[in-house]
Amino acid sequence: MKVILLENLRSIGSIGDVIDVKRGFARNYLISKKKALYASNENIKEVEKIKTNLAKKDLEKKKIAKQISEKINNKNYSIKKLSTENNELYGSVKPTEISKIIYEYEKLEIKPSMIQLIKEIKSLGDFKVKIVLHSEVEAEINIKVIAAETIQ
């Protein structure tokens, strides 16, 4: 299915590109999240007209993402979790928890979908976490998992 992108998307394309994607991806993600339109002749003409406007909006999003990146990049956050005697966690640290912790410390809304765990966090210790704020802006934070208490 051919669609026209309304946003710059990493590894997919940039604003105004006509790309061929699978039908489900187009309907369930790109079109439903208003990141693309069906590639009809009318829509292609319409996107050409508003392309500069879309580029300005994308530039604004990128600017905001850079500001957030400067605030949180290389910062350390700690999470208390229940653990066993051999330092393994009951469960794991999920992106939603990391999102909540960043909000507590920095008062910044970061969607869990932006958070990419480099390695699953299932034990105590230090972990690096990548946050994709924009298709061209990333930040990396450090998560320190400490024991809330040990259960035997």
C-alpha atoms as a PDB file:
ATOM      1  CA  MET A   1       0.000   0.000   0.000  1.00  0.00           C
ATOM      2  CA  LYS A   2       1.378   3.406  -0.954  1.00  0.00           C
ATOM      3  CA  VAL A   3       1.251   6.231   1.609  1.00  0.00           C
ATOM      4  CA  ILE A   4       2.614   9.781   1.872  1.00  0.00           C
ATOM      5  CA  LEU A   5       4.542  10.585   5.048  1.00  0.00           C
ATOM      6  CA  LEU A   6       3.491  13.621   7.084  1.00  0.00           C
ATOM      7  CA  GLU A   7       6.433  13.293   9.528  1.00  0.00           C
ATOM      8  CA  ASN A   8      10.104  12.407   9.426  1.00  0.00           C
ATOM      9  CA  LEU A   9      10.300   8.802  10.636  1.00  0.00           C
ATOM     10  CA  ARG A  10      13.591   7.081  11.346  1.00  0.00           C
ATOM     11  CA  SER A  11      14.443   4.326   8.864  1.00  0.00           C
ATOM     12  CA  ILE A  12      11.151   4.861   7.022  1.00  0.00           C
ATOM     13  CA  GLY A  13      11.398   8.225   5.263  1.00  0.00           C
ATOM     14  CA  SER A  14      10.910  11.977   5.495  1.00  0.00           C
ATOM     15  CA  ILE A  15       8.025  14.408   5.027  1.00  0.00           C
ATOM     16  CA  GLY A  16       6.349  14.136   1.644  1.00  0.00           C
ATOM     17  CA  ASP A  17       7.926  10.809   0.670  1.00  0.00           C
ATOM     18  CA  VAL A  18       5.617   8.336  -1.068  1.00  0.00           C
ATOM     19  CA  ILE A  19       6.513   4.912   0.309  1.00  0.00           C
ATOM     20  CA  ASP A  20       5.193   1.394  -0.072  1.00  0.00           C
ATOM     21  CA  VAL A  21       4.381  -0.331   3.239  1.00  0.00           C
ATOM     22  CA  LYS A  22       2.332  -3.287   4.374  1.00  0.00           C
ATOM     23  CA  ARG A  23      -1.392  -2.628   4.581  1.00  0.00           C
ATOM     24  CA  GLY A  24      -1.639  -3.321   8.343  1.00  0.00           C
ATOM     25  CA  PHE A  25       1.282  -1.038   9.203  1.00  0.00           C
ATOM     26  CA  ALA A  26      -0.261   1.737   7.098  1.00  0.00           C
ATOM     27  CA  ARG A  27      -3.765   1.429   8.568  1.00  0.00           C
ATOM     28  CA  ASN A  28      -2.976   0.542  12.168  1.00  0.00           C
ATOM     29  CA  TYR A  29      -0.004   2.816  12.766  1.00  0.00           C
ATOM     30  CA  LEU A  30       0.859   5.417  10.135  1.00  0.00           C
ATOM     31  CA  ILE A  31      -2.639   6.572   9.196  1.00  0.00           C
ATOM     32  CA  SER A  32      -4.260   6.095  12.620  1.00  0.00           C
ATOM     33  CA  LYS A  33      -1.495   8.160  14.304  1.00  0.00           C
ATOM     34  CA  LYS A  34      -1.723  10.800  11.536  1.00  0.00           C
ATOM     35  CA  LYS A  35       1.837  10.152  10.406  1.00  0.00           C
ATOM     36  CA  ALA A  36       0.762   9.410   6.814  1.00  0.00           C
ATOM     37  CA  LEU A  37      -2.056   9.650   4.261  1.00  0.00           C
ATOM     38  CA  TYR A  38      -3.189   7.273   1.517  1.00  0.00           C
ATOM     39  CA  ALA A  39      -1.210   8.109  -1.639  1.00  0.00           C
ATOM     40  CA  SER A  40      -4.011   9.320  -3.910  1.00  0.00           C
ATOM     41  CA  ASN A  41      -3.374  12.006  -6.545  1.00  0.00           C
ATOM     42  CA  GLU A  42      -5.386  14.521  -4.496  1.00  0.00           C
ATOM     43  CA  ASN A  43      -3.449  13.774  -1.299  1.00  0.00           C
ATOM     44  CA  ILE A  44      -0.089  14.026  -3.094  1.00  0.00           C
ATOM     45  CA  LYS A  45      -1.017  17.518  -4.370  1.00  0.00           C
ATOM     46  CA  GLU A  46      -2.290  18.516  -0.920  1.00  0.00           C
ATOM     47  CA  VAL A  47       0.906  17.364   0.827  1.00  0.00           C
ATOM     48  CA  GLU A  48       3.033  19.302  -1.682  1.00  0.00           C
ATOM     49  CA  LYS A  49       1.124  22.459  -0.706  1.00  0.00           C
ATOM     50  CA  ILE A  50       1.518  21.959   3.050  1.00  0.00           C
ATOM     51  CA  LYS A  51       5.013  20.462   2.981  1.00  0.00           C
ATOM     52  CA  THR A  52       6.717  23.645   4.260  1.00  0.00           C
ATOM     53  CA  ASN A  53       4.202  23.895   7.092  1.00  0.00           C
ATOM     54  CA  LEU A  54       4.847  20.266   8.066  1.00  0.00           C
ATOM     55  CA  ALA A  55       8.599  20.882   7.948  1.00  0.00           C
ATOM     56  CA  LYS A  56       8.218  23.855  10.329  1.00  0.00           C
ATOM     57  CA  LYS A  57       6.215  21.717  12.770  1.00  0.00           C
ATOM     58  CA  ASP A  58       8.838  18.969  12.573  1.00  0.00           C
ATOM     59  CA  LEU A  59      11.598  21.526  13.204  1.00  0.00           C
ATOM     60  CA  GLU A  60       9.707  22.748  16.281  1.00  0.00           C
ATOM     61  CA  LYS A  61       9.336  19.168  17.582  1.00  0.00           C
ATOM     62  CA  LYS A  62      13.059  18.626  16.998  1.00  0.00           C
ATOM     63  CA  LYS A  63      13.908  21.813  18.931  1.00  0.00           C
ATOM     64  CA  ILE A  64      11.775  20.700  21.898  1.00  0.00           C
ATOM     65  CA  ALA A  65      13.344  17.213  21.739  1.00  0.00           C
ATOM     66  CA  LYS A  66      16.841  18.772  21.867  1.00  0.00           C
ATOM     67  CA  GLN A  67      15.892  20.797  24.950  1.00  0.00           C
ATOM     68  CA  ILE A  68      14.601  17.661  26.696  1.00  0.00           C
ATOM     69  CA  SER A  69      17.719  15.766  25.624  1.00  0.00           C
ATOM     70  CA  GLU A  70      19.980  18.427  27.169  1.00  0.00           C
ATOM     71  CA  LYS A  71      18.054  18.156  30.464  1.00  0.00           C
ATOM     72  CA  ILE A  72      18.173  14.375  30.813  1.00  0.00           C
ATOM     73  CA  ASN A  73      21.161  13.161  28.773  1.00  0.00           C
ATOM     74  CA  ASN A  74      23.667  11.159  30.891  1.00  0.00           C
ATOM     75  CA  LYS A  75      21.661  11.735  34.090  1.00  0.00           C
ATOM     76  CA  ASN A  76      21.388   9.070  36.758  1.00  0.00           C
ATOM     77  CA  TYR A  77      18.080   7.829  38.154  1.00  0.00           C
ATOM     78  CA  SER A  78      17.517   5.181  40.788  1.00  0.00           C
ATOM     79  CA  ILE A  79      14.700   2.696  41.173  1.00  0.00           C
ATOM     80  CA  LYS A  80      13.979   0.610  44.263  1.00  0.00           C
ATOM     81  CA  LYS A  81      12.744  -2.895  43.523  1.00  0.00           C
ATOM     82  CA  LEU A  82      12.195  -6.060  45.517  1.00  0.00           C
ATOM     83  CA  SER A  83      14.986  -8.544  44.943  1.00  0.00           C
ATOM     84  CA  THR A  84      16.150 -12.014  45.901  1.00  0.00           C
ATOM     85  CA  GLU A  85      19.321 -12.828  47.826  1.00  0.00           C
ATOM     86  CA  ASN A  86      21.285 -13.304  44.585  1.00  0.00           C
ATOM     87  CA  ASN A  87      20.341  -9.784  43.350  1.00  0.00           C
ATOM     88  CA  GLU A  88      17.660 -10.824  40.869  1.00  0.00           C
ATOM     89  CA  LEU A  89      14.469  -8.791  40.666  1.00  0.00           C
ATOM     90  CA  TYR A  90      10.935 -10.042  41.045  1.00  0.00           C
ATOM     91  CA  GLY A  91       9.790  -9.049  37.565  1.00  0.00           C
ATOM     92  CA  SER A  92      11.726  -6.414  35.659  1.00  0.00           C
ATOM     93  CA  VAL A  93      11.962  -2.655  35.213  1.00  0.00           C
ATOM     94  CA  LYS A  94       9.629  -1.602  32.401  1.00  0.00           C
ATOM     95  CA  PRO A  95       9.652   1.578  30.269  1.00  0.00           C
ATOM     96  CA  THR A  96       6.477   2.799  32.056  1.00  0.00           C
ATOM     97  CA  GLU A  97       8.350   2.809  35.391  1.00  0.00           C
ATOM     98  CA  ILE A  98      11.285   4.671  33.862  1.00  0.00           C
ATOM     99  CA  SER A  99       8.855   7.191  32.361  1.00  0.00           C
ATOM    100  CA  LYS A 100       7.265   7.791  35.786  1.00  0.00           C
ATOM    101  CA  ILE A 101      10.656   8.247  37.446  1.00  0.00           C
ATOM    102  CA  ILE A 102      11.762  10.814  34.867  1.00  0.00           C
ATOM    103  CA  TYR A 103       8.483  12.655  35.439  1.00  0.00           C
ATOM    104  CA  GLU A 104       9.034  12.607  39.232  1.00  0.00           C
ATOM    105  CA  TYR A 105      12.565  14.019  39.006  1.00  0.00           C
ATOM    106  CA  GLU A 106      12.370  16.297  35.950  1.00  0.00           C
ATOM    107  CA  LYS A 107       8.616  16.967  35.459  1.00  0.00           C
ATOM    108  CA  LEU A 108       9.024  15.909  31.811  1.00  0.00           C
ATOM    109  CA  GLU A 109       6.439  13.784  29.996  1.00  0.00           C
ATOM    110  CA  ILE A 110       8.263  10.995  28.163  1.00  0.00           C
ATOM    111  CA  LYS A 111       6.132   8.309  26.573  1.00  0.00           C
ATOM    112  CA  PRO A 112       7.109   4.717  27.405  1.00  0.00           C
ATOM    113  CA  SER A 113       7.240   4.011  23.659  1.00  0.00           C
ATOM    114  CA  MET A 114      10.191   6.454  23.376  1.00  0.00           C
ATOM    115  CA  ILE A 115      12.222   4.441  25.906  1.00  0.00           C
ATOM    116  CA  GLN A 116      14.368   1.668  24.468  1.00  0.00           C
ATOM    117  CA  LEU A 117      16.006  -0.707  26.898  1.00  0.00           C
ATOM    118  CA  ILE A 118      19.447  -1.692  25.622  1.00  0.00           C
ATOM    119  CA  LYS A 119      19.282  -4.778  27.837  1.00  0.00           C
ATOM    120  CA  GLU A 120      16.369  -6.093  29.878  1.00  0.00           C
ATOM    121  CA  ILE A 121      16.592  -4.914  33.483  1.00  0.00           C
ATOM    122  CA  LYS A 122      16.079  -8.011  35.645  1.00  0.00           C
ATOM    123  CA  SER A 123      18.725  -7.582  38.352  1.00  0.00           C
ATOM    124  CA  LEU A 124      20.242  -5.001  40.664  1.00  0.00           C
ATOM    125  CA  GLY A 125      22.930  -2.735  39.222  1.00  0.00           C
ATOM    126  CA  ASP A 126      23.525   0.020  36.677  1.00  0.00           C
ATOM    127  CA  PHE A 127      21.917   0.004  33.240  1.00  0.00           C
ATOM    128  CA  LYS A 128      22.008   2.343  30.265  1.00  0.00           C
ATOM    129  CA  VAL A 129      18.692   3.254  28.648  1.00  0.00           C
ATOM    130  CA  LYS A 130      18.239   4.977  25.285  1.00  0.00           C
ATOM    131  CA  ILE A 131      15.406   7.465  24.790  1.00  0.00           C
ATOM    132  CA  VAL A 132      14.366   8.378  21.244  1.00  0.00           C
ATOM    133  CA  LEU A 133      12.841  11.857  21.527  1.00  0.00           C
ATOM    134  CA  HIS A 134      12.658  12.589  17.777  1.00  0.00           C
ATOM    135  CA  SER A 135      13.729  10.779  14.617  1.00  0.00           C
ATOM    136  CA  GLU A 136      17.037  12.699  14.843  1.00  0.00           C
ATOM    137  CA  VAL A 137      17.399  13.311  18.611  1.00  0.00           C
ATOM    138  CA  GLU A 138      18.280  10.716  21.248  1.00  0.00           C
ATOM    139  CA  ALA A 139      19.308  10.814  24.883  1.00  0.00           C
ATOM    140  CA  GLU A 140      20.913   8.194  27.086  1.00  0.00           C
ATOM    141  CA  ILE A 141      20.266   7.904  30.810  1.00  0.00           C
ATOM    142  CA  ASN A 142      21.625   5.646  33.535  1.00  0.00           C
ATOM    143  CA  ILE A 143      19.256   3.619  35.696  1.00  0.00           C
ATOM    144  CA  LYS A 144      20.545   2.294  39.011  1.00  0.00           C
ATOM    145  CA  VAL A 145      18.393  -0.479  40.426  1.00  0.00           C
ATOM    146  CA  ILE A 146      18.737  -0.780  44.179  1.00  0.00           C
ATOM    147  CA  ALA A 147      17.159  -3.256  46.580  1.00  0.00           C
ATOM    148  CA  ALA A 148      14.028  -2.092  48.389  1.00  0.00           C
ATOM    149  CA  GLU A 149      14.345  -5.137  50.643  1.00  0.00           C
ATOM    150  CA  THR A 150      15.420  -8.723  50.252  1.00  0.00           C
ATOM    151  CA  ILE A 151      12.815 -11.475  50.445  1.00  0.00           C
ATOM    152  CA  GLN A 152      13.994 -14.963  51.378  1.00  0.00           C
END
